[in-house]
N, C-alpha and C. Protein backbone atom coordinates (compact mmCIF):
# COMPACT_ATOMS: atom_id res chain seq x y z
N MET A 1 179.01 128.35 41.01
CA MET A 1 179.02 128.89 42.35
C MET A 1 178.62 127.80 43.34
N MET A 2 179.57 127.37 44.10
CA MET A 2 179.30 126.36 45.11
C MET A 2 179.34 127.03 46.47
N LYS A 3 178.30 126.80 47.23
CA LYS A 3 178.24 127.39 48.56
C LYS A 3 178.47 126.30 49.58
N ARG A 4 179.46 126.54 50.48
CA ARG A 4 179.76 125.56 51.51
C ARG A 4 179.30 126.10 52.85
N THR A 5 178.50 125.31 53.49
CA THR A 5 178.10 125.62 54.87
C THR A 5 178.02 124.32 55.62
N LYS A 6 178.15 124.39 56.88
CA LYS A 6 177.94 123.22 57.73
C LYS A 6 176.62 123.49 58.43
N LYS A 7 176.65 123.58 59.70
CA LYS A 7 175.48 123.94 60.48
C LYS A 7 175.66 125.37 60.94
N GLU A 8 174.58 126.05 61.22
CA GLU A 8 174.71 127.40 61.75
C GLU A 8 175.33 127.32 63.13
N GLY A 9 176.21 128.28 63.45
CA GLY A 9 176.90 128.29 64.74
C GLY A 9 175.91 128.20 65.89
N THR A 10 176.23 127.38 66.84
CA THR A 10 175.34 127.24 67.98
C THR A 10 175.67 128.30 69.01
N SER A 11 174.68 128.62 69.82
CA SER A 11 174.88 129.66 70.81
C SER A 11 175.85 129.24 71.90
N THR A 12 176.19 127.95 71.98
CA THR A 12 177.10 127.50 73.02
C THR A 12 178.53 127.35 72.51
N THR A 13 178.77 127.61 71.25
CA THR A 13 180.09 127.47 70.68
C THR A 13 180.96 128.67 71.03
N ARG A 14 182.04 128.43 71.75
CA ARG A 14 182.98 129.49 72.09
C ARG A 14 184.16 129.38 71.14
N LEU A 15 184.50 130.47 70.49
CA LEU A 15 185.58 130.45 69.52
C LEU A 15 186.94 130.66 70.18
N PRO A 16 187.95 129.93 69.70
CA PRO A 16 189.32 130.23 70.14
C PRO A 16 189.69 131.65 69.68
N ASP A 17 190.66 132.27 70.33
CA ASP A 17 191.03 133.65 70.02
C ASP A 17 191.38 133.87 68.56
N THR A 18 192.07 132.92 67.94
CA THR A 18 192.46 133.09 66.54
C THR A 18 191.25 133.14 65.62
N GLU A 19 190.29 132.25 65.84
CA GLU A 19 189.08 132.24 65.02
C GLU A 19 188.21 133.47 65.32
N LEU A 20 188.20 133.89 66.57
CA LEU A 20 187.45 135.09 66.93
C LEU A 20 188.01 136.31 66.22
N LEU A 21 189.33 136.39 66.11
CA LEU A 21 189.95 137.51 65.39
C LEU A 21 189.48 137.54 63.93
N ILE A 22 189.43 136.39 63.30
CA ILE A 22 188.95 136.31 61.91
C ILE A 22 187.48 136.75 61.85
N MET A 23 186.67 136.28 62.80
CA MET A 23 185.25 136.67 62.82
C MET A 23 185.10 138.18 63.02
N GLN A 24 185.94 138.77 63.85
CA GLN A 24 185.87 140.22 64.06
C GLN A 24 186.15 140.98 62.78
N VAL A 25 187.07 140.48 61.98
CA VAL A 25 187.35 141.10 60.68
C VAL A 25 186.14 140.94 59.76
N VAL A 26 185.55 139.75 59.74
CA VAL A 26 184.36 139.50 58.92
C VAL A 26 183.23 140.46 59.33
N TRP A 27 182.98 140.56 60.63
CA TRP A 27 181.91 141.45 61.13
C TRP A 27 182.19 142.91 60.79
N GLN A 28 183.46 143.34 60.90
CA GLN A 28 183.82 144.72 60.60
C GLN A 28 183.57 145.07 59.13
N HIS A 29 183.60 144.07 58.29
CA HIS A 29 183.38 144.29 56.86
C HIS A 29 181.95 143.95 56.44
N GLY A 30 181.04 144.07 57.36
CA GLY A 30 179.63 143.88 57.02
C GLY A 30 179.21 142.45 56.86
N GLY A 31 180.03 141.51 57.30
CA GLY A 31 179.64 140.11 57.27
C GLY A 31 179.90 139.39 55.97
N CYS A 32 180.63 140.03 55.03
CA CYS A 32 180.89 139.42 53.74
C CYS A 32 182.28 139.86 53.27
N ILE A 33 183.20 138.89 53.04
CA ILE A 33 184.60 139.25 52.78
C ILE A 33 185.32 138.09 52.10
N THR A 34 186.42 138.40 51.41
CA THR A 34 187.27 137.36 50.82
C THR A 34 188.47 137.12 51.74
N SER A 35 189.16 136.01 51.51
CA SER A 35 190.36 135.72 52.31
C SER A 35 191.45 136.75 52.04
N ALA A 36 191.54 137.25 50.80
CA ALA A 36 192.54 138.28 50.48
C ALA A 36 192.28 139.56 51.26
N GLU A 37 191.01 139.92 51.41
CA GLU A 37 190.66 141.10 52.19
C GLU A 37 190.99 140.90 53.67
N ILE A 38 190.79 139.69 54.16
CA ILE A 38 191.14 139.38 55.55
C ILE A 38 192.65 139.51 55.74
N MET A 39 193.43 138.97 54.80
CA MET A 39 194.89 139.06 54.88
C MET A 39 195.34 140.53 54.90
N LYS A 40 194.72 141.34 54.05
CA LYS A 40 195.07 142.77 53.99
C LYS A 40 194.74 143.44 55.33
N GLU A 41 193.59 143.11 55.91
CA GLU A 41 193.17 143.69 57.18
C GLU A 41 194.11 143.30 58.33
N LEU A 42 194.67 142.10 58.25
CA LEU A 42 195.54 141.60 59.32
C LEU A 42 197.00 142.04 59.17
N GLU A 43 197.33 142.68 58.03
CA GLU A 43 198.70 143.15 57.81
C GLU A 43 199.16 144.02 58.97
N GLY A 44 200.33 143.71 59.49
CA GLY A 44 200.88 144.48 60.59
C GLY A 44 200.34 144.08 61.95
N LYS A 45 199.25 143.31 61.99
CA LYS A 45 198.67 142.86 63.25
C LYS A 45 199.06 141.42 63.55
N ARG A 46 199.01 140.59 62.51
CA ARG A 46 199.36 139.17 62.63
C ARG A 46 200.24 138.80 61.44
N ASP A 47 201.20 137.98 61.69
CA ASP A 47 202.10 137.53 60.63
C ASP A 47 201.72 136.12 60.23
N TRP A 48 200.49 135.96 59.74
CA TRP A 48 199.99 134.65 59.37
C TRP A 48 200.16 134.41 57.88
N ALA A 49 200.50 133.18 57.54
CA ALA A 49 200.54 132.78 56.13
C ALA A 49 199.11 132.65 55.62
N THR A 50 198.95 132.74 54.31
CA THR A 50 197.63 132.60 53.70
C THR A 50 197.00 131.27 54.09
N THR A 51 197.81 130.21 54.14
CA THR A 51 197.26 128.89 54.49
C THR A 51 196.68 128.89 55.91
N THR A 52 197.29 129.64 56.81
CA THR A 52 196.77 129.72 58.18
C THR A 52 195.38 130.35 58.18
N VAL A 53 195.24 131.46 57.46
CA VAL A 53 193.94 132.15 57.38
C VAL A 53 192.91 131.23 56.73
N LEU A 54 193.30 130.54 55.67
CA LEU A 54 192.37 129.62 54.99
C LEU A 54 191.96 128.47 55.92
N ASN A 55 192.89 127.96 56.71
CA ASN A 55 192.55 126.90 57.67
C ASN A 55 191.59 127.41 58.74
N LEU A 56 191.82 128.62 59.23
CA LEU A 56 190.92 129.20 60.22
C LEU A 56 189.53 129.43 59.63
N LEU A 57 189.48 129.88 58.39
CA LEU A 57 188.18 130.07 57.72
C LEU A 57 187.48 128.73 57.52
N ALA A 58 188.23 127.68 57.17
CA ALA A 58 187.64 126.35 57.01
C ALA A 58 187.03 125.86 58.33
N ARG A 59 187.73 126.14 59.44
CA ARG A 59 187.18 125.77 60.76
C ARG A 59 185.90 126.55 61.05
N LEU A 60 185.89 127.82 60.69
CA LEU A 60 184.69 128.64 60.92
C LEU A 60 183.51 128.15 60.07
N VAL A 61 183.80 127.68 58.86
CA VAL A 61 182.75 127.08 58.02
C VAL A 61 182.25 125.81 58.70
N GLU A 62 183.17 124.97 59.16
CA GLU A 62 182.82 123.71 59.82
C GLU A 62 181.98 123.96 61.07
N ARG A 63 182.32 124.98 61.82
CA ARG A 63 181.58 125.32 63.05
C ARG A 63 180.25 126.01 62.77
N GLY A 64 180.04 126.44 61.53
CA GLY A 64 178.78 127.09 61.18
C GLY A 64 178.74 128.58 61.45
N PHE A 65 179.91 129.21 61.59
CA PHE A 65 179.95 130.65 61.81
C PHE A 65 179.97 131.44 60.52
N VAL A 66 180.53 130.86 59.45
CA VAL A 66 180.53 131.50 58.14
C VAL A 66 180.19 130.47 57.07
N SER A 67 179.73 130.99 55.94
CA SER A 67 179.56 130.14 54.77
C SER A 67 180.60 130.58 53.75
N ALA A 68 180.95 129.71 52.83
CA ALA A 68 181.92 130.03 51.78
C ALA A 68 181.26 129.79 50.44
N GLU A 69 181.32 130.81 49.60
CA GLU A 69 180.74 130.69 48.26
C GLU A 69 181.80 131.06 47.23
N ARG A 70 182.03 130.16 46.28
CA ARG A 70 183.04 130.38 45.25
C ARG A 70 182.51 131.37 44.22
N LYS A 71 183.26 132.45 43.99
CA LYS A 71 182.93 133.43 42.94
C LYS A 71 184.21 133.68 42.16
N GLY A 72 184.25 133.15 40.96
CA GLY A 72 185.47 133.26 40.17
C GLY A 72 186.60 132.50 40.84
N LYS A 73 187.70 133.20 41.09
CA LYS A 73 188.86 132.57 41.72
C LYS A 73 188.86 132.71 43.24
N ALA A 74 187.90 133.42 43.78
CA ALA A 74 187.90 133.69 45.23
C ALA A 74 186.70 133.07 45.92
N ASN A 75 186.87 132.82 47.19
CA ASN A 75 185.75 132.44 48.04
C ASN A 75 185.26 133.69 48.75
N ILE A 76 183.95 133.85 48.81
CA ILE A 76 183.33 134.92 49.58
C ILE A 76 182.84 134.28 50.87
N TYR A 77 183.30 134.80 51.99
CA TYR A 77 182.91 134.29 53.29
C TYR A 77 181.85 135.21 53.88
N THR A 78 180.74 134.62 54.29
CA THR A 78 179.61 135.37 54.82
C THR A 78 179.30 134.90 56.23
N ALA A 79 179.16 135.86 57.13
CA ALA A 79 178.86 135.53 58.53
C ALA A 79 177.47 134.92 58.64
N LEU A 80 177.37 133.81 59.35
CA LEU A 80 176.08 133.18 59.64
C LEU A 80 175.63 133.49 61.06
N VAL A 81 176.57 133.93 61.89
CA VAL A 81 176.29 134.30 63.27
C VAL A 81 176.63 135.78 63.40
N SER A 82 175.70 136.56 63.90
CA SER A 82 175.95 138.00 64.06
C SER A 82 176.88 138.25 65.24
N GLU A 83 177.58 139.37 65.18
CA GLU A 83 178.45 139.76 66.28
C GLU A 83 177.64 139.95 67.56
N GLU A 84 176.49 140.56 67.42
CA GLU A 84 175.62 140.80 68.58
C GLU A 84 175.21 139.49 69.26
N ALA A 85 174.81 138.51 68.46
CA ALA A 85 174.39 137.21 69.02
C ALA A 85 175.56 136.52 69.71
N TYR A 86 176.74 136.58 69.09
CA TYR A 86 177.91 135.93 69.69
C TYR A 86 178.30 136.61 71.00
N LEU A 87 178.34 137.94 70.99
CA LEU A 87 178.72 138.68 72.20
C LEU A 87 177.73 138.44 73.34
N LYS A 88 176.46 138.37 73.01
CA LYS A 88 175.44 138.12 74.04
C LYS A 88 175.68 136.75 74.68
N THR A 89 175.91 135.75 73.86
CA THR A 89 176.13 134.40 74.37
C THR A 89 177.43 134.31 75.16
N GLU A 90 178.50 134.92 74.64
CA GLU A 90 179.79 134.88 75.33
C GLU A 90 179.73 135.62 76.65
N SER A 91 179.04 136.76 76.69
CA SER A 91 178.93 137.53 77.93
C SER A 91 178.19 136.73 78.98
N LYS A 92 177.10 136.08 78.57
CA LYS A 92 176.32 135.26 79.50
C LYS A 92 177.17 134.10 80.01
N SER A 93 177.91 133.47 79.11
CA SER A 93 178.76 132.34 79.48
C SER A 93 179.85 132.79 80.46
N PHE A 94 180.45 133.95 80.19
CA PHE A 94 181.49 134.50 81.06
C PHE A 94 180.94 134.74 82.45
N LEU A 95 179.77 135.34 82.52
CA LEU A 95 179.14 135.64 83.81
C LEU A 95 178.84 134.34 84.57
N GLU A 96 178.34 133.34 83.86
CA GLU A 96 178.02 132.05 84.49
C GLU A 96 179.28 131.33 84.97
N ARG A 97 180.29 131.27 84.11
CA ARG A 97 181.51 130.50 84.43
C ARG A 97 182.34 131.14 85.53
N LEU A 98 182.53 132.44 85.46
CA LEU A 98 183.47 133.08 86.37
C LEU A 98 182.83 133.76 87.57
N HIS A 99 181.52 133.99 87.51
CA HIS A 99 180.87 134.71 88.62
C HIS A 99 179.60 134.02 89.10
N GLY A 100 179.45 132.75 88.76
CA GLY A 100 178.28 132.00 89.22
C GLY A 100 176.97 132.66 88.84
N ASN A 101 176.96 133.31 87.68
CA ASN A 101 175.79 134.01 87.16
C ASN A 101 175.35 135.18 88.06
N SER A 102 176.30 135.71 88.82
CA SER A 102 176.01 136.81 89.74
C SER A 102 176.55 138.12 89.18
N LEU A 103 175.63 139.01 88.81
CA LEU A 103 176.02 140.32 88.33
C LEU A 103 176.72 141.09 89.44
N LYS A 104 176.25 140.89 90.67
CA LYS A 104 176.85 141.56 91.83
C LYS A 104 178.32 141.16 91.97
N SER A 105 178.63 139.88 91.83
CA SER A 105 180.00 139.39 91.92
C SER A 105 180.86 140.01 90.82
N PHE A 106 180.32 140.08 89.62
CA PHE A 106 181.05 140.66 88.49
C PHE A 106 181.37 142.14 88.74
N ILE A 107 180.37 142.90 89.15
CA ILE A 107 180.55 144.33 89.40
C ILE A 107 181.54 144.52 90.56
N ALA A 108 181.42 143.71 91.59
CA ALA A 108 182.34 143.81 92.73
C ALA A 108 183.78 143.56 92.29
N SER A 109 183.98 142.62 91.40
CA SER A 109 185.34 142.34 90.93
C SER A 109 185.90 143.51 90.14
N LEU A 110 185.07 144.22 89.41
CA LEU A 110 185.53 145.42 88.70
C LEU A 110 185.90 146.53 89.66
N TYR A 111 185.07 146.71 90.67
CA TYR A 111 185.30 147.78 91.63
C TYR A 111 186.53 147.51 92.49
N GLU A 112 186.66 146.27 92.96
CA GLU A 112 187.81 145.91 93.80
C GLU A 112 189.12 146.07 93.05
N GLY A 113 189.05 145.86 91.74
CA GLY A 113 190.24 146.05 90.91
C GLY A 113 190.40 147.49 90.46
N LYS A 114 189.55 148.37 90.94
CA LYS A 114 189.57 149.80 90.60
C LYS A 114 189.39 150.05 89.10
N ASN A 115 188.66 149.16 88.42
CA ASN A 115 188.42 149.30 86.99
C ASN A 115 187.09 149.97 86.68
N LEU A 116 186.30 150.27 87.70
CA LEU A 116 184.99 150.85 87.48
C LEU A 116 185.04 152.32 87.90
N SER A 117 184.93 153.20 86.91
CA SER A 117 184.98 154.64 87.21
C SER A 117 183.64 155.09 87.77
N LYS A 118 183.61 156.29 88.32
CA LYS A 118 182.36 156.84 88.84
C LYS A 118 181.36 157.02 87.71
N ASP A 119 181.82 157.42 86.53
CA ASP A 119 180.92 157.56 85.38
C ASP A 119 180.35 156.20 84.97
N ASP A 120 181.21 155.17 85.01
CA ASP A 120 180.74 153.82 84.69
C ASP A 120 179.68 153.37 85.70
N ALA A 121 179.93 153.66 86.98
CA ALA A 121 178.99 153.26 88.03
C ALA A 121 177.66 153.98 87.85
N LYS A 122 177.72 155.26 87.49
CA LYS A 122 176.50 156.04 87.26
C LYS A 122 175.72 155.47 86.07
N GLU A 123 176.44 155.16 85.00
CA GLU A 123 175.80 154.59 83.81
C GLU A 123 175.17 153.23 84.13
N LEU A 124 175.89 152.42 84.89
CA LEU A 124 175.37 151.11 85.29
C LEU A 124 174.12 151.26 86.14
N LYS A 125 174.14 152.20 87.08
CA LYS A 125 172.98 152.45 87.94
C LYS A 125 171.77 152.84 87.10
N GLU A 126 171.98 153.74 86.14
CA GLU A 126 170.87 154.16 85.26
C GLU A 126 170.35 152.97 84.46
N TYR A 127 171.26 152.14 83.98
CA TYR A 127 170.84 150.97 83.22
C TYR A 127 170.02 150.03 84.08
N LEU A 128 170.50 149.78 85.30
CA LEU A 128 169.78 148.88 86.19
C LEU A 128 168.42 149.44 86.57
N GLU A 129 168.31 150.74 86.73
CA GLU A 129 167.04 151.35 87.09
C GLU A 129 166.05 151.41 85.94
N HIS A 130 166.56 151.55 84.72
CA HIS A 130 165.65 151.79 83.58
C HIS A 130 165.76 150.79 82.44
N GLY A 131 166.86 150.05 82.38
CA GLY A 131 167.10 149.25 81.19
C GLY A 131 166.81 147.78 81.30
N ILE A 132 166.56 147.27 82.49
CA ILE A 132 166.37 145.84 82.64
C ILE A 132 164.90 145.49 82.62
N VAL A 133 164.56 144.51 81.82
CA VAL A 133 163.22 143.96 81.81
C VAL A 133 163.30 142.65 82.58
N PHE A 134 162.63 142.59 83.70
CA PHE A 134 162.71 141.40 84.55
C PHE A 134 161.82 140.29 83.97
N GLU A 135 162.33 139.07 84.05
CA GLU A 135 161.55 137.93 83.61
C GLU A 135 160.43 137.71 84.62
N GLU A 136 159.28 137.26 84.09
CA GLU A 136 158.15 137.00 84.97
C GLU A 136 158.42 135.78 85.82
N GLU A 137 157.98 135.84 87.04
CA GLU A 137 158.08 134.69 87.94
C GLU A 137 157.12 133.62 87.44
N GLU A 138 157.27 132.41 87.95
CA GLU A 138 156.40 131.31 87.54
C GLU A 138 154.93 131.60 87.85
N ASP A 139 154.66 132.35 88.91
CA ASP A 139 153.26 132.63 89.27
C ASP A 139 152.70 133.82 88.49
N GLY A 140 153.49 134.38 87.56
CA GLY A 140 153.02 135.47 86.70
C GLY A 140 153.31 136.86 87.25
N THR A 141 153.91 136.95 88.44
CA THR A 141 154.26 138.25 89.00
C THR A 141 155.64 138.65 88.54
N LYS A 142 155.96 139.93 88.71
CA LYS A 142 157.29 140.40 88.34
C LYS A 142 158.09 140.66 89.56
């Protein structure tokens, strides 16, 4: 049993869409899967050859998002980065890159595009009123 890993995925690593799709399959299967299982999951969604999936998995190993462990004739791929951690980092990066780290700008863009329903706005308001823990200011006040 040989286990291949590089470095654990960094919080600043943004995955290309193809690698993200593979990671989503890995996460959906509890973070542990074979390439054959990935191919079966992608049937009808992507027309990728086995070599394509194996190359994408090799890149994910290199980037530190999964490890590969040989068991018999198959490699078992295990997620090293959780979906939650990746989504948190990507969401923060998206907000910073496209909205100058302004939640107000982001929400305004949803509303102007008519993508924010009244129920969504109500849920967001409740979250803002009750769900945010503010970071302490440098002087120790909130």
